[in-house]
């Protein structure tokens, strides 16, 4: 990622948009702000900023629709802003490709920490080329599940499963430690770059999203299971068939 991260802010509240723009410029971000979704979509796809800060509720196109439209062609990070503390909105945002979300009212210093965590994650990702010789090293396979880390590609029964970067990172971490319970603290540190505070539901919501996308019945999961009071465990023997467990 560039030394000066490029940040696009899509927010229709004039006061908040100007506040955030000013604050992040002072924090050495290259900021471009939009008050409408349509103009933002075209700019995001053509200019490919490092991070998009996207309001959930906009007057023309809602943030979820924008995220869905850009995700397949946008390689940067997406952080959603929402006035709702409803888990449904958070899960929906993560399912369509958002990397993180922050609930309003906004605390700029908290928001800055979230953005820096996303930047660290992007910087830690391996740089590969089209002819990289290390593809095998970056691949995990369990039954019909195949993960390619360098391309962040997930396939189940040879069918591509679209995942956000953060969903893939979480799944890779679990799969890399198959048959080992990983705590929420370990997963939160790895995925978000911050300590688990006992209340943060980000990892839990991403697990819910992964189970849905990978056909693991949330009522009785067998592929990514919850170990009460300890964390989550990836079961390597549960991927031998592609049938949904429902």
Protein backbone atom coordinates (compact mmCIF):
# COMPACT_ATOMS: atom_id res chain seq x y z
CA UNK A 1 0.00 0.00 0.00
CA UNK A 2 1.15 3.53 -0.74
CA UNK A 3 3.00 5.55 1.90
CA UNK A 4 0.07 7.98 1.82
CA UNK A 5 -3.07 5.82 1.81
CA UNK A 6 -5.83 6.95 -0.52
CA UNK A 7 -9.16 7.12 1.28
CA UNK A 8 -12.55 7.67 -0.36
CA UNK A 9 -15.32 8.79 2.00
CA UNK A 10 -18.92 8.28 0.84
CA UNK A 11 -21.18 10.08 3.31
CA UNK A 12 -24.23 12.29 2.65
CA UNK A 13 -24.17 14.08 6.01
CA UNK A 14 -22.32 17.30 5.14
CA UNK A 15 -21.08 18.00 8.66
CA UNK A 16 -19.78 14.47 9.23
CA UNK A 17 -18.24 14.24 5.76
CA UNK A 18 -16.30 17.49 6.23
CA UNK A 19 -15.26 16.47 9.76
CA UNK A 20 -13.93 13.10 8.62
CA UNK A 21 -12.24 14.54 5.55
CA UNK A 22 -10.42 17.16 7.60
CA UNK A 23 -9.44 14.71 10.33
CA UNK A 24 -7.99 12.09 8.02
CA UNK A 25 -6.10 14.64 5.94
CA UNK A 26 -4.45 15.71 9.19
CA UNK A 27 -3.56 12.03 9.70
CA UNK A 28 -1.74 11.96 6.34
CA UNK A 29 -4.45 10.28 4.27
CA UNK A 30 -5.08 11.35 0.68
CA UNK A 31 -8.84 11.96 0.96
CA UNK A 32 -11.56 12.31 -1.65
CA UNK A 33 -15.15 12.71 -0.42
CA UNK A 34 -18.53 12.03 -2.06
CA UNK A 35 -22.07 12.83 -0.96
CA UNK A 36 -23.77 10.53 -3.49
CA UNK A 37 -23.25 6.87 -4.31
CA UNK A 38 -23.44 6.93 -8.10
CA UNK A 39 -20.47 9.27 -8.52
CA UNK A 40 -18.52 7.28 -5.92
CA UNK A 41 -18.95 3.93 -7.69
CA UNK A 42 -17.41 5.17 -10.94
CA UNK A 43 -14.52 6.85 -9.12
CA UNK A 44 -13.80 3.82 -6.93
CA UNK A 45 -13.62 1.45 -9.89
CA UNK A 46 -11.51 3.78 -12.03
CA UNK A 47 -9.12 5.12 -9.36
CA UNK A 48 -8.88 2.08 -7.04
CA UNK A 49 -8.22 3.83 -3.69
CA UNK A 50 -6.69 1.89 -0.81
CA UNK A 51 -9.75 2.20 1.42
CA UNK A 52 -13.40 3.17 0.94
CA UNK A 53 -15.33 4.43 3.96
CA UNK A 54 -18.94 3.84 2.97
CA UNK A 55 -22.10 5.00 4.70
CA UNK A 56 -24.85 2.38 4.84
CA UNK A 57 -27.69 4.86 4.21
CA UNK A 58 -27.31 7.20 1.22
CA UNK A 59 -29.97 9.19 -0.67
CA UNK A 60 -29.50 7.55 -4.07
CA UNK A 61 -27.87 4.11 -3.65
CA UNK A 62 -27.53 2.39 -0.28
CA UNK A 63 -24.10 1.34 0.90
CA UNK A 64 -24.82 -2.38 0.65
CA UNK A 65 -25.70 -2.01 -3.04
CA UNK A 66 -22.55 0.02 -3.69
CA UNK A 67 -20.39 -2.57 -1.92
CA UNK A 68 -21.99 -5.34 -3.96
CA UNK A 69 -21.41 -3.43 -7.21
CA UNK A 70 -17.74 -2.68 -6.62
CA UNK A 71 -16.50 -5.72 -4.71
CA UNK A 72 -15.66 -7.97 -7.64
CA UNK A 73 -13.60 -5.25 -9.36
CA UNK A 74 -12.20 -3.38 -6.35
CA UNK A 75 -9.03 -4.67 -4.70
CA UNK A 76 -8.94 -2.27 -1.73
CA UNK A 77 -10.62 -2.39 1.66
CA UNK A 78 -14.22 -1.40 2.45
CA UNK A 79 -15.25 -0.06 5.86
CA UNK A 80 -18.98 0.48 6.38
CA UNK A 81 -20.48 3.21 8.55
CA UNK A 82 -23.88 2.42 10.02
CA UNK A 83 -26.25 4.13 12.45
CA UNK A 84 -27.72 0.73 13.29
CA UNK A 85 -26.45 -1.66 15.95
CA UNK A 86 -28.58 -4.44 14.47
CA UNK A 87 -26.54 -7.59 13.84
CA UNK A 88 -28.54 -8.13 10.63
CA UNK A 89 -27.01 -5.02 9.06
CA UNK A 90 -23.53 -6.00 10.20
CA UNK A 91 -23.84 -9.56 8.87
CA UNK A 92 -25.26 -8.28 5.58
CA UNK A 93 -22.34 -5.89 5.17
CA UNK A 94 -19.78 -8.62 5.85
CA UNK A 95 -21.53 -11.11 3.58
CA UNK A 96 -21.37 -8.84 0.54
CA UNK A 97 -17.70 -8.03 1.00
CA UNK A 98 -17.16 -5.30 3.59
CA UNK A 99 -13.93 -5.78 5.53
CA UNK A 100 -15.08 -3.97 8.68
CA UNK A 101 -17.85 -1.74 10.01
CA UNK A 102 -18.17 1.04 12.57
CA UNK A 103 -21.39 2.03 14.30
CA UNK A 104 -22.33 5.69 14.61
CA UNK A 105 -21.86 8.00 16.47
CA UNK A 106 -18.37 8.08 15.08
CA UNK A 107 -15.31 8.44 17.30
CA UNK A 108 -12.55 9.60 14.93
CA UNK A 109 -9.70 8.04 16.94
CA UNK A 110 -11.46 4.66 16.96
CA UNK A 111 -12.12 4.99 13.25
CA UNK A 112 -8.45 5.81 12.66
CA UNK A 113 -7.42 2.68 14.56
CA UNK A 114 -9.75 0.58 12.41
CA UNK A 115 -8.35 2.06 9.19
CA UNK A 116 -4.77 1.50 10.30
CA UNK A 117 -5.62 -2.12 11.12
CA UNK A 118 -6.96 -2.56 7.58
CA UNK A 119 -3.78 -0.99 6.19
CA UNK A 120 -1.60 -3.36 8.24
CA UNK A 121 -3.56 -6.32 6.93
CA UNK A 122 -3.11 -5.13 3.36
CA UNK A 123 0.61 -4.54 3.87
CA UNK A 124 1.08 -8.02 5.38
CA UNK A 125 -0.45 -9.81 2.41
CA UNK A 126 2.17 -11.53 0.23
CA UNK A 127 3.10 -9.77 -3.01
CA UNK A 128 2.84 -12.27 -5.86
CA UNK A 129 3.16 -12.14 -9.62
CA UNK A 130 1.31 -13.93 -12.37
CA UNK A 131 4.14 -16.46 -12.64
CA UNK A 132 4.83 -16.87 -8.93
CA UNK A 133 6.45 -20.26 -8.22
CA UNK A 134 5.00 -20.50 -4.71
CA UNK A 135 1.39 -21.35 -5.56
CA UNK A 136 1.54 -24.81 -3.94
CA UNK A 137 2.90 -23.31 -0.73
CA UNK A 138 -0.05 -20.89 -0.68
CA UNK A 139 -2.69 -23.58 -1.17
CA UNK A 140 -4.65 -25.58 1.39
CA UNK A 141 -6.99 -28.42 0.44
CA UNK A 142 -9.38 -30.42 2.62
CA UNK A 143 -11.63 -32.80 0.74
CA UNK A 144 -13.55 -30.64 -1.74
CA UNK A 145 -12.45 -27.35 -0.20
CA UNK A 146 -9.47 -25.57 -1.77
CA UNK A 147 -8.00 -22.27 -0.61
CA UNK A 148 -5.43 -20.28 -2.55
CA UNK A 149 -3.86 -17.63 -0.33
CA UNK A 150 -1.98 -15.66 -2.99
CA UNK A 151 -5.17 -15.19 -5.04
CA UNK A 152 -7.52 -15.17 -2.04
CA UNK A 153 -9.65 -17.71 -3.86
CA UNK A 154 -11.95 -20.24 -2.22
CA UNK A 155 -13.49 -23.17 -4.10
CA UNK A 156 -15.87 -25.84 -2.83
CA UNK A 157 -16.48 -28.84 -5.07
CA UNK A 158 -14.68 -26.88 -7.83
CA UNK A 159 -17.21 -24.03 -7.52
CA UNK A 160 -15.80 -20.59 -6.72
CA UNK A 161 -17.13 -19.19 -3.44
CA UNK A 162 -16.90 -15.36 -3.34
CA UNK A 163 -15.46 -14.18 -0.03
CA UNK A 164 -14.39 -10.77 1.20
CA UNK A 165 -10.70 -10.38 2.05
CA UNK A 166 -11.43 -10.51 5.76
CA UNK A 167 -13.62 -13.61 5.40
CA UNK A 168 -10.88 -15.35 3.44
CA UNK A 169 -8.24 -14.32 5.99
CA UNK A 170 -10.35 -15.78 8.80
CA UNK A 171 -11.05 -19.01 6.92
CA UNK A 172 -7.38 -19.41 5.99
CA UNK A 173 -6.31 -18.91 9.60
CA UNK A 174 -8.80 -21.52 10.81
CA UNK A 175 -7.91 -23.99 8.04
CA UNK A 176 -4.18 -23.50 8.60
CA UNK A 177 -4.75 -24.51 12.23
CA UNK A 178 -7.15 -27.37 11.48
CA UNK A 179 -8.22 -29.43 14.51
CA UNK A 180 -6.96 -26.68 16.80
CA UNK A 181 -9.27 -24.35 18.74
CA UNK A 182 -8.49 -20.69 18.04
CA UNK A 183 -9.75 -18.16 20.57
CA UNK A 184 -11.74 -15.06 19.66
CA UNK A 185 -8.80 -13.00 20.91
CA UNK A 186 -6.39 -14.78 18.54
CA UNK A 187 -8.79 -14.42 15.62
CA UNK A 188 -9.62 -10.78 16.36
CA UNK A 189 -5.95 -9.87 16.59
CA UNK A 190 -5.22 -11.62 13.29
CA UNK A 191 -8.22 -10.35 11.34
CA UNK A 192 -8.61 -6.86 12.78
CA UNK A 193 -5.26 -6.08 14.34
CA UNK A 194 -6.78 -5.20 17.73
CA UNK A 195 -7.37 -7.00 21.01
CA UNK A 196 -10.69 -8.73 21.65
CA UNK A 197 -12.67 -6.69 24.20
CA UNK A 198 -15.19 -9.38 25.08
CA UNK A 199 -18.00 -7.61 23.23
CA UNK A 200 -16.79 -7.31 19.63
CA UNK A 201 -18.96 -9.52 17.39
CA UNK A 202 -16.93 -9.11 14.19
CA UNK A 203 -15.37 -12.58 14.24
CA UNK A 204 -18.67 -14.22 15.22
CA UNK A 205 -20.48 -12.44 12.38
CA UNK A 206 -17.82 -13.48 9.89
CA UNK A 207 -18.11 -17.11 11.03
CA UNK A 208 -21.88 -16.90 10.50
CA UNK A 209 -21.25 -15.57 7.00
CA UNK A 210 -18.67 -18.27 6.22
CA UNK A 211 -20.98 -21.04 7.39
CA UNK A 212 -23.74 -19.75 5.14
CA UNK A 213 -21.50 -19.46 2.09
CA UNK A 214 -19.84 -22.83 2.67
CA UNK A 215 -23.00 -24.82 3.31
CA UNK A 216 -22.39 -25.38 7.02
CA UNK A 217 -25.79 -25.44 8.72
CA UNK A 218 -25.66 -22.71 11.42
CA UNK A 219 -28.14 -24.66 13.55
CA UNK A 220 -25.80 -27.65 13.65
CA UNK A 221 -22.42 -26.73 12.13
CA UNK A 222 -19.92 -29.49 11.47
CA UNK A 223 -17.25 -27.75 9.37
CA UNK A 224 -16.48 -24.70 11.50
CA UNK A 225 -17.65 -25.47 14.99
CA UNK A 226 -17.99 -23.35 18.10
CA UNK A 227 -16.17 -24.61 21.18
CA UNK A 228 -18.08 -22.99 24.00
CA UNK A 229 -16.00 -20.62 26.08
CA UNK A 230 -12.90 -21.21 23.94
CA UNK A 231 -13.41 -20.18 20.32
CA UNK A 232 -13.72 -21.83 16.91
CA UNK A 233 -12.36 -25.01 15.36
CA UNK A 234 -11.97 -25.97 11.71
CA UNK A 235 -12.82 -29.66 11.17
CA UNK A 236 -10.63 -31.03 8.33
CA UNK A 237 -12.59 -34.25 7.82
CA UNK A 238 -15.91 -32.47 7.27
CA UNK A 239 -15.17 -31.28 3.71
CA UNK A 240 -15.28 -34.63 1.90
CA UNK A 241 -18.60 -33.86 0.20
CA UNK A 242 -20.17 -30.65 -1.04
CA UNK A 243 -23.68 -31.24 0.21
CA UNK A 244 -25.15 -28.60 2.50
CA UNK A 245 -25.55 -29.79 6.03
CA UNK A 246 -29.21 -28.77 6.41
